[in-house]
Amino acid sequence: MQSGSQLKRWMTGIGLAGVAAGTAIGLAMPEVYASVFPPALDDDPHLVRMRERYDLDTDQMRLIRTVIKDRQARIMTYVVSGGQLSTEMENTVKMIERQADDRIDAVLDSQQREQYRKDKQLEPLRGGSQSRTRKK
C-alpha cells in the first residue's frame, strides 16, 4: 500500500495532467468545431458557386469547404513575398491543386463529377489545371 504523501503526489499529478489536457482541448476545439460546423457556408464565393453549379448537399459542402481551406493554407506556405514563385515552388503549388481537385472529385457523385471535370477543362489556365487539360 502507498503512503499518504505518495498518494497525494500521484493524485496531484493526475489532476495537473487533466488540467493540461483540458486546456489543450479547449484551445483546439474552436478550430475543430469551426471546421466541422462552419457558421455559414456562404462565406466563400467559390464554394457558393460550386454549391449552385453542382447542387451540392450539406455533407458535400462541408467536405469541399475543408478541401478548399486546406488547399489555400498549403499554397500560402509556398507564396513568396514578392509573388514570384520558383519553378520548384510552382510545381509544388500545381501538385497541391491537383490533390485538392482529386479530393473534390472524390466527394462528388457521378453526374457532379462529370460536370466538374468538364468545367476544369474549360477553366482558364491556372496553376494546376494545365497539366490536366493538355498532354505533352
C-alpha atoms as a PDB file:
ATOM      1  CA  MET A   1       0.000   0.000   0.000  1.00  0.00           C
ATOM      2  CA  GLN A   2       1.182   3.511  -0.776  1.00  0.00           C
ATOM      3  CA  SER A   3       1.887   6.066   1.857  1.00  0.00           C
ATOM      4  CA  GLY A   4      -0.274   9.188   2.126  1.00  0.00           C
ATOM      5  CA  SER A   5       2.352  11.500   0.607  1.00  0.00           C
ATOM      6  CA  GLN A   6       2.876   9.228  -2.407  1.00  0.00           C
ATOM      7  CA  LEU A   7      -0.850   9.036  -2.989  1.00  0.00           C
ATOM      8  CA  LYS A   8      -1.153  12.805  -2.672  1.00  0.00           C
ATOM      9  CA  ARG A   9       1.624  13.343  -5.250  1.00  0.00           C
ATOM     10  CA  TRP A  10       0.070  10.807  -7.566  1.00  0.00           C
ATOM     11  CA  MET A  11      -3.358  12.454  -7.373  1.00  0.00           C
ATOM     12  CA  THR A  12      -1.826  15.924  -7.846  1.00  0.00           C
ATOM     13  CA  GLY A  13      -0.030  14.682 -10.965  1.00  0.00           C
ATOM     14  CA  ILE A  14      -3.232  13.246 -12.387  1.00  0.00           C
ATOM     15  CA  GLY A  15      -5.069  16.485 -11.614  1.00  0.00           C
ATOM     16  CA  LEU A  16      -2.414  18.577 -13.356  1.00  0.00           C
ATOM     17  CA  ALA A  17      -2.433  16.249 -16.351  1.00  0.00           C
ATOM     18  CA  GLY A  18      -6.210  16.627 -16.544  1.00  0.00           C
ATOM     19  CA  VAL A  19      -5.948  20.412 -16.440  1.00  0.00           C
ATOM     20  CA  ALA A  20      -3.283  20.359 -19.164  1.00  0.00           C
ATOM     21  CA  ALA A  21      -5.393  18.054 -21.345  1.00  0.00           C
ATOM     22  CA  GLY A  22      -8.483  20.182 -20.779  1.00  0.00           C
ATOM     23  CA  THR A  23      -6.590  23.341 -21.698  1.00  0.00           C
ATOM     24  CA  ALA A  24      -5.237  21.756 -24.895  1.00  0.00           C
ATOM     25  CA  ILE A  25      -8.688  20.533 -25.907  1.00  0.00           C
ATOM     26  CA  GLY A  26     -10.232  23.883 -25.040  1.00  0.00           C
ATOM     27  CA  LEU A  27      -7.751  25.683 -27.260  1.00  0.00           C
ATOM     28  CA  ALA A  28      -8.165  23.216 -30.127  1.00  0.00           C
ATOM     29  CA  MET A  29     -11.938  22.781 -30.012  1.00  0.00           C
ATOM     30  CA  PRO A  30     -12.958  26.131 -31.513  1.00  0.00           C
ATOM     31  CA  GLU A  31     -10.944  25.329 -34.646  1.00  0.00           C
ATOM     32  CA  VAL A  32     -12.195  21.741 -34.777  1.00  0.00           C
ATOM     33  CA  TYR A  33     -15.779  22.836 -34.223  1.00  0.00           C
ATOM     34  CA  ALA A  34     -15.478  25.599 -36.834  1.00  0.00           C
ATOM     35  CA  SER A  35     -14.147  23.190 -39.465  1.00  0.00           C
ATOM     36  CA  VAL A  36     -16.872  20.628 -38.826  1.00  0.00           C
ATOM     37  CA  PHE A  37     -19.743  23.061 -38.296  1.00  0.00           C
ATOM     38  CA  PRO A  38     -18.886  26.267 -40.111  1.00  0.00           C
ATOM     39  CA  PRO A  39     -21.000  29.232 -39.040  1.00  0.00           C
ATOM     40  CA  ALA A  40     -22.008  29.991 -42.621  1.00  0.00           C
ATOM     41  CA  LEU A  41     -21.198  28.158 -45.791  1.00  0.00           C
ATOM     42  CA  ASP A  42     -21.898  31.310 -47.790  1.00  0.00           C
ATOM     43  CA  ASP A  43     -18.646  32.990 -46.700  1.00  0.00           C
ATOM     44  CA  ASP A  44     -16.635  31.619 -49.643  1.00  0.00           C
ATOM     45  CA  PRO A  45     -17.810  32.774 -53.098  1.00  0.00           C
ATOM     46  CA  HIS A  46     -16.055  29.834 -54.794  1.00  0.00           C
ATOM     47  CA  LEU A  47     -17.939  27.399 -52.563  1.00  0.00           C
ATOM     48  CA  VAL A  48     -21.236  29.198 -53.190  1.00  0.00           C
ATOM     49  CA  ARG A  49     -20.685  28.903 -56.955  1.00  0.00           C
ATOM     50  CA  MET A  50     -19.861  25.213 -56.573  1.00  0.00           C
ATOM     51  CA  ARG A  51     -22.999  24.601 -54.498  1.00  0.00           C
ATOM     52  CA  GLU A  52     -25.159  26.228 -57.153  1.00  0.00           C
ATOM     53  CA  ARG A  53     -23.366  24.690 -60.128  1.00  0.00           C
ATOM     54  CA  TYR A  54     -23.230  21.095 -58.821  1.00  0.00           C
ATOM     55  CA  ASP A  55     -26.251  21.089 -56.483  1.00  0.00           C
ATOM     56  CA  LEU A  56     -24.124  20.019 -53.511  1.00  0.00           C
ATOM     57  CA  ASP A  57     -25.695  18.678 -50.330  1.00  0.00           C
ATOM     58  CA  THR A  58     -24.655  19.788 -46.842  1.00  0.00           C
ATOM     59  CA  ASP A  59     -22.125  16.989 -46.316  1.00  0.00           C
ATOM     60  CA  GLN A  60     -20.506  17.636 -49.694  1.00  0.00           C
ATOM     61  CA  MET A  61     -20.350  21.361 -48.869  1.00  0.00           C
ATOM     62  CA  ARG A  62     -18.637  20.651 -45.564  1.00  0.00           C
ATOM     63  CA  LEU A  63     -16.085  18.296 -47.105  1.00  0.00           C
ATOM     64  CA  ILE A  64     -15.331  20.519 -50.088  1.00  0.00           C
ATOM     65  CA  ARG A  65     -15.027  23.565 -47.823  1.00  0.00           C
ATOM     66  CA  THR A  66     -12.395  21.679 -45.822  1.00  0.00           C
ATOM     67  CA  VAL A  67     -10.523  20.783 -49.038  1.00  0.00           C
ATOM     68  CA  ILE A  68     -10.616  24.389 -50.268  1.00  0.00           C
ATOM     69  CA  LYS A  69      -9.397  25.788 -46.940  1.00  0.00           C
ATOM     70  CA  ASP A  70      -6.623  23.177 -46.784  1.00  0.00           C
ATOM     71  CA  ARG A  71      -5.575  23.978 -50.348  1.00  0.00           C
ATOM     72  CA  GLN A  72      -5.453  27.695 -49.574  1.00  0.00           C
ATOM     73  CA  ALA A  73      -3.400  27.138 -46.429  1.00  0.00           C
ATOM     74  CA  ARG A  74      -0.946  24.805 -48.176  1.00  0.00           C
ATOM     75  CA  ILE A  75      -0.477  27.152 -51.127  1.00  0.00           C
ATOM     76  CA  MET A  76       0.056  30.137 -48.842  1.00  0.00           C
ATOM     77  CA  THR A  77       3.072  28.390 -47.329  1.00  0.00           C
ATOM     78  CA  TYR A  78       4.705  28.478 -50.764  1.00  0.00           C
ATOM     79  CA  VAL A  79       3.871  32.018 -51.767  1.00  0.00           C
ATOM     80  CA  VAL A  80       6.917  34.258 -51.736  1.00  0.00           C
ATOM     81  CA  SER A  81       6.522  37.846 -50.526  1.00  0.00           C
ATOM     82  CA  GLY A  82       7.105  39.304 -54.000  1.00  0.00           C
ATOM     83  CA  GLY A  83       4.628  36.949 -55.598  1.00  0.00           C
ATOM     84  CA  GLN A  84       7.348  35.275 -57.672  1.00  0.00           C
ATOM     85  CA  LEU A  85       7.463  31.512 -57.432  1.00  0.00           C
ATOM     86  CA  SER A  86      10.490  29.441 -58.243  1.00  0.00           C
ATOM     87  CA  THR A  87       9.957  26.518 -60.609  1.00  0.00           C
ATOM     88  CA  GLU A  88      10.076  24.106 -57.679  1.00  0.00           C
ATOM     89  CA  MET A  89       7.505  26.114 -55.729  1.00  0.00           C
ATOM     90  CA  GLU A  90       5.290  26.469 -58.794  1.00  0.00           C
ATOM     91  CA  ASN A  91       5.374  22.690 -59.286  1.00  0.00           C
ATOM     92  CA  THR A  92       4.502  22.196 -55.615  1.00  0.00           C
ATOM     93  CA  VAL A  93       1.531  24.564 -55.923  1.00  0.00           C
ATOM     94  CA  LYS A  94       0.353  22.695 -59.037  1.00  0.00           C
ATOM     95  CA  MET A  95       0.653  19.404 -57.142  1.00  0.00           C
ATOM     96  CA  ILE A  96      -1.381  20.832 -54.226  1.00  0.00           C
ATOM     97  CA  GLU A  97      -4.094  21.998 -56.617  1.00  0.00           C
ATOM     98  CA  ARG A  98      -4.195  18.604 -58.375  1.00  0.00           C
ATOM     99  CA  GLN A  99      -4.513  16.865 -54.999  1.00  0.00           C
ATOM    100  CA  ALA A 100      -7.330  19.221 -53.991  1.00  0.00           C
ATOM    101  CA  ASP A 101      -9.095  18.601 -57.313  1.00  0.00           C
ATOM    102  CA  ASP A 102      -8.787  14.845 -56.757  1.00  0.00           C
ATOM    103  CA  ARG A 103     -10.226  15.183 -53.237  1.00  0.00           C
ATOM    104  CA  ILE A 104     -13.125  17.295 -54.517  1.00  0.00           C
ATOM    105  CA  ASP A 105     -13.653  14.771 -57.312  1.00  0.00           C
ATOM    106  CA  ALA A 106     -13.950  12.006 -54.700  1.00  0.00           C
ATOM    107  CA  VAL A 107     -16.703  13.886 -52.829  1.00  0.00           C
ATOM    108  CA  LEU A 108     -18.914  14.380 -55.895  1.00  0.00           C
ATOM    109  CA  ASP A 109     -21.376  11.865 -57.277  1.00  0.00           C
ATOM    110  CA  SER A 110     -21.001  10.637 -60.870  1.00  0.00           C
ATOM    111  CA  GLN A 111     -23.078  13.398 -62.531  1.00  0.00           C
ATOM    112  CA  GLN A 112     -21.439  16.138 -60.461  1.00  0.00           C
ATOM    113  CA  ARG A 113     -18.007  14.653 -61.167  1.00  0.00           C
ATOM    114  CA  GLU A 114     -18.623  14.625 -64.923  1.00  0.00           C
ATOM    115  CA  GLN A 115     -19.696  18.294 -64.878  1.00  0.00           C
ATOM    116  CA  TYR A 116     -16.771  19.237 -62.614  1.00  0.00           C
ATOM    117  CA  ARG A 117     -14.276  17.624 -64.987  1.00  0.00           C
ATOM    118  CA  LYS A 118     -15.811  19.420 -67.971  1.00  0.00           C
ATOM    119  CA  ASP A 119     -15.632  22.713 -66.090  1.00  0.00           C
ATOM    120  CA  LYS A 120     -11.983  22.102 -65.168  1.00  0.00           C
ATOM    121  CA  GLN A 121     -11.133  21.605 -68.854  1.00  0.00           C
ATOM    122  CA  LEU A 122     -12.892  24.843 -69.815  1.00  0.00           C
ATOM    123  CA  GLU A 123     -11.387  26.830 -66.960  1.00  0.00           C
ATOM    124  CA  PRO A 124      -8.761  29.404 -67.984  1.00  0.00           C
ATOM    125  CA  LEU A 125      -5.287  28.085 -67.423  1.00  0.00           C
ATOM    126  CA  ARG A 126      -4.343  28.494 -63.799  1.00  0.00           C
ATOM    127  CA  GLY A 127      -1.769  26.934 -61.526  1.00  0.00           C
ATOM    128  CA  GLY A 128      -2.888  23.301 -61.531  1.00  0.00           C
ATOM    129  CA  SER A 129      -5.301  22.928 -64.413  1.00  0.00           C
ATOM    130  CA  GLN A 130      -2.998  22.984 -67.407  1.00  0.00           C
ATOM    131  CA  SER A 131      -1.418  19.604 -66.669  1.00  0.00           C
ATOM    132  CA  ARG A 132      -4.891  18.002 -66.756  1.00  0.00           C
ATOM    133  CA  THR A 133      -6.102  19.659 -69.942  1.00  0.00           C
ATOM    134  CA  ARG A 134      -3.253  19.135 -72.341  1.00  0.00           C
ATOM    135  CA  LYS A 135      -0.977  16.233 -72.945  1.00  0.00           C
ATOM    136  CA  LYS A 136       2.662  16.549 -73.874  1.00  0.00           C
END
